Amino acid sequence: MSARPPPLVLVVEDSHAIRAAFTILLEESGYAVSAAATGGEAVRLAAAEPPDLVLLDVGLPDISGLDVALRLKSDPATARIPLVALTGRDDSADRDALLAAGCAAYLVKPVDTQQLIRALPGYMAAGQA
């Protein structure tokens, strides 16, 4: 019997340093990682190889994290993928819009990485329900 592959997390972040840090954290925690620096790239990657979860930066250079969330949630092929919004701004209007668009959580950077790692299985299970 073959081993189950690790869950795939798509990290969408325009900062190379933050993207690299999340990649290392996730890989060390047993996850497979794909990464995108733009919203358009994220939508393409999610459609080509649907991840088990998307960590989605809100402020992206091409299309906003909100637009990425709306696009992914409106496509039946990607609608069930759990999205976790990450932002540097604690803004209630942004939070409300992203949660209404289907994000499972809205986290303000800097993120408590150990708390995030502990929460990921719950976000993924909620997406499969």
N, C-alpha and C. Protein backbone atom coordinates (compact mmCIF):
# COMPACT_ATOMS: atom_id res chain seq x y z
N MET A 1 0.84 -1.15 0.00
CA MET A 1 0.00 0.00 0.00
C MET A 1 0.90 1.24 0.00
N SER A 2 0.56 2.23 -0.83
CA SER A 2 1.37 3.43 -0.90
C SER A 2 0.94 4.44 0.16
N ALA A 3 1.90 5.23 0.56
CA ALA A 3 1.61 6.25 1.57
C ALA A 3 0.81 7.38 0.95
N ARG A 4 -0.06 7.96 1.75
CA ARG A 4 -0.86 9.10 1.30
C ARG A 4 0.07 10.31 1.14
N PRO A 5 -0.05 11.05 0.04
CA PRO A 5 0.81 12.23 -0.11
C PRO A 5 0.43 13.29 0.93
N PRO A 6 1.39 14.13 1.28
CA PRO A 6 1.07 15.17 2.26
C PRO A 6 0.09 16.18 1.68
N PRO A 7 -0.70 16.83 2.53
CA PRO A 7 -1.62 17.87 2.03
C PRO A 7 -0.85 18.98 1.32
N LEU A 8 -1.45 19.48 0.26
CA LEU A 8 -0.83 20.55 -0.53
C LEU A 8 -1.39 21.90 -0.12
N VAL A 9 -0.51 22.83 0.22
CA VAL A 9 -0.89 24.19 0.57
C VAL A 9 -0.32 25.13 -0.48
N LEU A 10 -1.19 25.95 -1.04
CA LEU A 10 -0.78 26.99 -1.98
C LEU A 10 -0.57 28.27 -1.20
N VAL A 11 0.66 28.78 -1.21
CA VAL A 11 1.01 30.02 -0.52
C VAL A 11 1.00 31.13 -1.57
N VAL A 12 0.11 32.10 -1.38
CA VAL A 12 -0.02 33.23 -2.30
C VAL A 12 0.45 34.47 -1.57
N GLU A 13 1.62 34.95 -1.94
CA GLU A 13 2.26 36.06 -1.21
C GLU A 13 3.23 36.75 -2.15
N ASP A 14 3.11 38.08 -2.28
CA ASP A 14 4.00 38.79 -3.20
C ASP A 14 5.38 39.05 -2.62
N SER A 15 5.54 39.00 -1.31
CA SER A 15 6.85 39.17 -0.70
C SER A 15 7.62 37.85 -0.77
N HIS A 16 8.76 37.88 -1.45
CA HIS A 16 9.57 36.67 -1.59
C HIS A 16 9.97 36.14 -0.21
N ALA A 17 10.38 37.03 0.70
CA ALA A 17 10.84 36.60 2.02
C ALA A 17 9.72 35.92 2.81
N ILE A 18 8.54 36.49 2.78
CA ILE A 18 7.41 35.90 3.52
C ILE A 18 6.99 34.58 2.87
N ARG A 19 6.96 34.56 1.54
CA ARG A 19 6.61 33.33 0.82
C ARG A 19 7.60 32.22 1.17
N ALA A 20 8.88 32.55 1.20
CA ALA A 20 9.91 31.55 1.53
C ALA A 20 9.76 31.08 2.98
N ALA A 21 9.48 32.00 3.89
CA ALA A 21 9.33 31.62 5.30
C ALA A 21 8.13 30.69 5.50
N PHE A 22 7.01 30.99 4.85
CA PHE A 22 5.84 30.10 4.95
C PHE A 22 6.14 28.75 4.32
N THR A 23 6.85 28.75 3.21
CA THR A 23 7.20 27.49 2.55
C THR A 23 8.03 26.60 3.47
N ILE A 24 9.04 27.18 4.09
CA ILE A 24 9.89 26.41 5.01
C ILE A 24 9.07 25.90 6.19
N LEU A 25 8.28 26.77 6.80
CA LEU A 25 7.45 26.39 7.93
C LEU A 25 6.52 25.23 7.57
N LEU A 26 5.85 25.35 6.45
CA LEU A 26 4.89 24.31 6.04
C LEU A 26 5.59 23.00 5.71
N GLU A 27 6.68 23.07 4.96
CA GLU A 27 7.41 21.83 4.61
C GLU A 27 7.95 21.15 5.86
N GLU A 28 8.47 21.93 6.81
CA GLU A 28 8.97 21.34 8.06
C GLU A 28 7.84 20.73 8.89
N SER A 29 6.61 21.18 8.63
CA SER A 29 5.45 20.66 9.35
C SER A 29 4.76 19.53 8.60
N GLY A 30 5.35 19.07 7.50
CA GLY A 30 4.84 17.91 6.79
C GLY A 30 3.90 18.19 5.63
N TYR A 31 3.82 19.43 5.18
CA TYR A 31 2.96 19.79 4.06
C TYR A 31 3.76 19.91 2.78
N ALA A 32 3.11 19.63 1.67
CA ALA A 32 3.67 19.95 0.36
C ALA A 32 3.25 21.39 0.06
N VAL A 33 4.07 22.12 -0.67
CA VAL A 33 3.80 23.53 -0.89
C VAL A 33 3.97 23.88 -2.36
N SER A 34 3.02 24.66 -2.86
CA SER A 34 3.20 25.35 -4.13
C SER A 34 3.07 26.83 -3.79
N ALA A 35 3.63 27.69 -4.63
CA ALA A 35 3.64 29.11 -4.28
C ALA A 35 3.37 29.97 -5.49
N ALA A 36 2.73 31.12 -5.22
CA ALA A 36 2.42 32.09 -6.26
C ALA A 36 2.73 33.48 -5.71
N ALA A 37 3.24 34.35 -6.57
CA ALA A 37 3.56 35.72 -6.18
C ALA A 37 2.46 36.70 -6.57
N THR A 38 1.52 36.25 -7.41
CA THR A 38 0.44 37.13 -7.86
C THR A 38 -0.90 36.40 -7.76
N GLY A 39 -1.97 37.18 -7.78
CA GLY A 39 -3.29 36.59 -7.74
C GLY A 39 -3.61 35.78 -8.98
N GLY A 40 -3.22 36.30 -10.14
CA GLY A 40 -3.46 35.57 -11.38
C GLY A 40 -2.77 34.23 -11.40
N GLU A 41 -1.53 34.20 -10.92
CA GLU A 41 -0.78 32.95 -10.84
C GLU A 41 -1.47 31.99 -9.87
N ALA A 42 -1.99 32.51 -8.78
CA ALA A 42 -2.68 31.68 -7.79
C ALA A 42 -3.91 31.01 -8.39
N VAL A 43 -4.71 31.77 -9.13
CA VAL A 43 -5.91 31.23 -9.75
C VAL A 43 -5.53 30.12 -10.74
N ARG A 44 -4.50 30.36 -11.53
CA ARG A 44 -4.04 29.34 -12.50
C ARG A 44 -3.55 28.08 -11.79
N LEU A 45 -2.72 28.26 -10.76
CA LEU A 45 -2.19 27.09 -10.04
C LEU A 45 -3.29 26.30 -9.36
N ALA A 46 -4.23 27.00 -8.73
CA ALA A 46 -5.32 26.31 -8.03
C ALA A 46 -6.18 25.52 -9.00
N ALA A 47 -6.37 26.03 -10.21
CA ALA A 47 -7.17 25.31 -11.20
C ALA A 47 -6.40 24.11 -11.76
N ALA A 48 -5.10 24.27 -11.94
CA ALA A 48 -4.28 23.20 -12.53
C ALA A 48 -4.05 22.05 -11.56
N GLU A 49 -3.79 22.37 -10.29
CA GLU A 49 -3.56 21.36 -9.27
C GLU A 49 -4.20 21.85 -7.98
N PRO A 50 -5.49 21.56 -7.80
CA PRO A 50 -6.20 22.09 -6.63
C PRO A 50 -5.52 21.71 -5.32
N PRO A 51 -5.15 22.72 -4.54
CA PRO A 51 -4.52 22.44 -3.25
C PRO A 51 -5.56 22.07 -2.21
N ASP A 52 -5.07 21.60 -1.08
CA ASP A 52 -5.95 21.28 0.05
C ASP A 52 -6.31 22.54 0.84
N LEU A 53 -5.51 23.61 0.64
CA LEU A 53 -5.75 24.87 1.34
C LEU A 53 -4.93 25.96 0.64
N VAL A 54 -5.45 27.19 0.69
CA VAL A 54 -4.72 28.34 0.15
C VAL A 54 -4.50 29.34 1.28
N LEU A 55 -3.23 29.72 1.49
CA LEU A 55 -2.89 30.85 2.35
C LEU A 55 -2.80 32.05 1.41
N LEU A 56 -3.69 33.00 1.57
CA LEU A 56 -3.92 34.04 0.57
C LEU A 56 -3.62 35.43 1.12
N ASP A 57 -2.54 36.03 0.64
CA ASP A 57 -2.24 37.41 0.98
C ASP A 57 -3.34 38.29 0.40
N VAL A 58 -3.74 39.31 1.13
CA VAL A 58 -4.82 40.18 0.68
C VAL A 58 -4.31 41.21 -0.31
N GLY A 59 -3.12 41.77 -0.06
CA GLY A 59 -2.57 42.82 -0.93
C GLY A 59 -1.61 42.26 -1.96
N LEU A 60 -2.13 41.97 -3.13
CA LEU A 60 -1.33 41.41 -4.21
C LEU A 60 -1.16 42.44 -5.32
N PRO A 61 -0.10 42.33 -6.13
CA PRO A 61 0.18 43.38 -7.12
C PRO A 61 -0.74 43.42 -8.33
N ASP A 62 -1.40 42.34 -8.66
CA ASP A 62 -2.21 42.35 -9.89
C ASP A 62 -3.70 42.38 -9.60
N ILE A 63 -4.19 41.39 -8.90
CA ILE A 63 -5.59 41.39 -8.46
C ILE A 63 -5.58 41.17 -6.95
N SER A 64 -6.55 41.69 -6.27
CA SER A 64 -6.57 41.61 -4.81
C SER A 64 -6.85 40.19 -4.33
N GLY A 65 -6.49 39.96 -3.08
CA GLY A 65 -6.83 38.68 -2.47
C GLY A 65 -8.33 38.44 -2.45
N LEU A 66 -9.10 39.51 -2.28
CA LEU A 66 -10.56 39.39 -2.33
C LEU A 66 -11.00 38.90 -3.71
N ASP A 67 -10.43 39.45 -4.78
CA ASP A 67 -10.80 39.00 -6.12
C ASP A 67 -10.38 37.56 -6.36
N VAL A 68 -9.22 37.17 -5.84
CA VAL A 68 -8.79 35.77 -5.96
C VAL A 68 -9.81 34.88 -5.25
N ALA A 69 -10.20 35.25 -4.04
CA ALA A 69 -11.18 34.45 -3.30
C ALA A 69 -12.48 34.33 -4.07
N LEU A 70 -12.97 35.44 -4.60
CA LEU A 70 -14.22 35.41 -5.36
C LEU A 70 -14.11 34.52 -6.59
N ARG A 71 -12.98 34.59 -7.29
CA ARG A 71 -12.79 33.75 -8.48
C ARG A 71 -12.73 32.28 -8.12
N LEU A 72 -11.97 31.95 -7.08
CA LEU A 72 -11.86 30.54 -6.69
C LEU A 72 -13.19 29.99 -6.19
N LYS A 73 -13.91 30.77 -5.42
CA LYS A 73 -15.18 30.30 -4.86
C LYS A 73 -16.30 30.25 -5.91
N SER A 74 -16.15 30.98 -7.02
CA SER A 74 -17.18 30.95 -8.07
C SER A 74 -16.96 29.84 -9.09
N ASP A 75 -15.81 29.18 -9.04
CA ASP A 75 -15.49 28.10 -9.97
C ASP A 75 -15.76 26.76 -9.27
N PRO A 76 -16.67 25.94 -9.81
CA PRO A 76 -16.97 24.66 -9.15
C PRO A 76 -15.74 23.79 -8.92
N ALA A 77 -14.72 23.92 -9.76
CA ALA A 77 -13.52 23.09 -9.61
C ALA A 77 -12.67 23.50 -8.40
N THR A 78 -12.81 24.75 -7.94
CA THR A 78 -11.99 25.24 -6.84
C THR A 78 -12.81 25.76 -5.66
N ALA A 79 -14.11 25.70 -5.76
CA ALA A 79 -14.99 26.32 -4.76
C ALA A 79 -14.83 25.72 -3.36
N ARG A 80 -14.48 24.47 -3.28
CA ARG A 80 -14.40 23.81 -1.96
C ARG A 80 -13.04 23.95 -1.30
N ILE A 81 -12.09 24.58 -1.96
CA ILE A 81 -10.76 24.75 -1.37
C ILE A 81 -10.85 25.78 -0.24
N PRO A 82 -10.42 25.42 0.97
CA PRO A 82 -10.43 26.38 2.06
C PRO A 82 -9.40 27.49 1.81
N LEU A 83 -9.80 28.72 2.09
CA LEU A 83 -8.93 29.88 1.92
C LEU A 83 -8.72 30.53 3.28
N VAL A 84 -7.47 30.88 3.57
CA VAL A 84 -7.14 31.62 4.78
C VAL A 84 -6.49 32.92 4.34
N ALA A 85 -7.17 34.04 4.59
CA ALA A 85 -6.66 35.35 4.20
C ALA A 85 -5.60 35.81 5.19
N LEU A 86 -4.51 36.36 4.65
CA LEU A 86 -3.42 36.90 5.46
C LEU A 86 -3.23 38.35 5.06
N THR A 87 -3.11 39.24 6.06
CA THR A 87 -2.96 40.65 5.75
C THR A 87 -2.16 41.36 6.81
N GLY A 88 -1.59 42.47 6.42
CA GLY A 88 -0.89 43.32 7.37
C GLY A 88 -1.80 44.34 8.01
N ARG A 89 -3.06 44.42 7.56
CA ARG A 89 -4.02 45.42 8.06
C ARG A 89 -5.15 44.73 8.82
N ASP A 90 -5.39 45.21 10.00
CA ASP A 90 -6.53 44.71 10.76
C ASP A 90 -7.70 45.64 10.45
N ASP A 91 -8.40 45.34 9.37
CA ASP A 91 -9.47 46.20 8.86
C ASP A 91 -10.77 45.42 8.86
N SER A 92 -11.77 45.91 9.61
CA SER A 92 -13.01 45.15 9.73
C SER A 92 -13.77 45.04 8.41
N ALA A 93 -13.69 46.06 7.56
CA ALA A 93 -14.37 45.98 6.25
C ALA A 93 -13.72 44.92 5.38
N ASP A 94 -12.38 44.88 5.36
CA ASP A 94 -11.67 43.83 4.61
C ASP A 94 -12.03 42.45 5.16
N ARG A 95 -11.98 42.33 6.48
CA ARG A 95 -12.27 41.04 7.12
C ARG A 95 -13.68 40.57 6.75
N ASP A 96 -14.65 41.47 6.88
CA ASP A 96 -16.03 41.10 6.56
C ASP A 96 -16.17 40.68 5.10
N ALA A 97 -15.53 41.42 4.19
CA ALA A 97 -15.63 41.10 2.76
C ALA A 97 -14.98 39.77 2.45
N LEU A 98 -13.84 39.49 3.03
CA LEU A 98 -13.14 38.23 2.75
C LEU A 98 -13.88 37.04 3.36
N LEU A 99 -14.40 37.20 4.55
CA LEU A 99 -15.17 36.11 5.15
C LEU A 99 -16.45 35.87 4.36
N ALA A 100 -17.10 36.94 3.90
CA ALA A 100 -18.30 36.80 3.08
C ALA A 100 -17.98 36.15 1.73
N ALA A 101 -16.76 36.36 1.23
CA ALA A 101 -16.35 35.76 -0.05
C ALA A 101 -16.00 34.28 0.10
N GLY A 102 -15.97 33.78 1.33
CA GLY A 102 -15.73 32.36 1.53
C GLY A 102 -14.44 31.99 2.23
N CYS A 103 -13.68 32.96 2.70
CA CYS A 103 -12.47 32.63 3.44
C CYS A 103 -12.84 32.03 4.79
N ALA A 104 -12.08 31.02 5.18
CA ALA A 104 -12.33 30.34 6.45
C ALA A 104 -11.81 31.16 7.63
N ALA A 105 -10.82 32.01 7.37
CA ALA A 105 -10.23 32.82 8.44
C ALA A 105 -9.58 34.05 7.84
N TYR A 106 -9.40 35.05 8.68
CA TYR A 106 -8.75 36.31 8.33
C TYR A 106 -7.69 36.54 9.41
N LEU A 107 -6.42 36.38 9.05
CA LEU A 107 -5.34 36.48 10.02
C LEU A 107 -4.48 37.69 9.72
N VAL A 108 -4.14 38.42 10.78
CA VAL A 108 -3.32 39.62 10.64
C VAL A 108 -1.86 39.26 10.90
N LYS A 109 -0.98 39.69 9.96
CA LYS A 109 0.45 39.47 10.12
C LYS A 109 0.99 40.46 11.14
N PRO A 110 2.00 40.09 11.91
CA PRO A 110 2.66 38.78 11.87
C PRO A 110 1.78 37.71 12.50
N VAL A 111 1.76 36.58 11.86
CA VAL A 111 0.92 35.46 12.27
C VAL A 111 1.68 34.61 13.28
N ASP A 112 0.98 34.13 14.28
CA ASP A 112 1.55 33.15 15.21
C ASP A 112 1.65 31.84 14.43
N THR A 113 2.85 31.52 13.99
CA THR A 113 3.02 30.39 13.05
C THR A 113 2.65 29.05 13.68
N GLN A 114 2.95 28.86 14.96
CA GLN A 114 2.60 27.59 15.59
C GLN A 114 1.09 27.44 15.72
N GLN A 115 0.41 28.53 16.02
CA GLN A 115 -1.05 28.50 16.09
C GLN A 115 -1.62 28.21 14.70
N LEU A 116 -1.04 28.81 13.66
CA LEU A 116 -1.49 28.56 12.29
C LEU A 116 -1.32 27.08 11.94
N ILE A 117 -0.17 26.52 12.21
CA ILE A 117 0.07 25.11 11.89
C ILE A 117 -0.94 24.21 12.61
N ARG A 118 -1.23 24.53 13.87
CA ARG A 118 -2.22 23.73 14.61
C ARG A 118 -3.62 23.88 14.02
N ALA A 119 -3.93 25.04 13.45
CA ALA A 119 -5.28 25.30 12.92
C ALA A 119 -5.48 24.74 11.50
N LEU A 120 -4.42 24.50 10.75
CA LEU A 120 -4.57 24.08 9.35
C LEU A 120 -5.43 22.83 9.17
N PRO A 121 -5.24 21.76 9.94
CA PRO A 121 -6.10 20.58 9.74
C PRO A 121 -7.59 20.90 9.88
N GLY A 122 -7.93 21.76 10.81
CA GLY A 122 -9.33 22.15 11.00
C GLY A 122 -9.87 22.91 9.80
N TYR A 123 -9.06 23.83 9.28
CA TYR A 123 -9.48 24.57 8.07
C TYR A 123 -9.69 23.60 6.91
N MET A 124 -8.77 22.65 6.77
CA MET A 124 -8.88 21.69 5.65
C MET A 124 -10.10 20.80 5.82
N ALA A 125 -10.35 20.33 7.04
CA ALA A 125 -11.52 19.47 7.29
C ALA A 125 -12.81 20.23 7.01
N ALA A 126 -12.85 21.50 7.37
CA ALA A 126 -14.05 22.30 7.13
C ALA A 126 -14.31 22.44 5.64
N GLY A 127 -13.25 22.52 4.85
CA GLY A 127 -13.39 22.63 3.40
C GLY A 127 -13.91 21.36 2.76
N GLN A 128 -13.68 20.22 3.40
CA GLN A 128 -14.12 18.95 2.85
C GLN A 128 -15.54 18.59 3.29
N ALA A 129 -16.07 19.33 4.25
CA ALA A 129 -17.41 19.02 4.77
C ALA A 129 -18.50 19.36 3.78
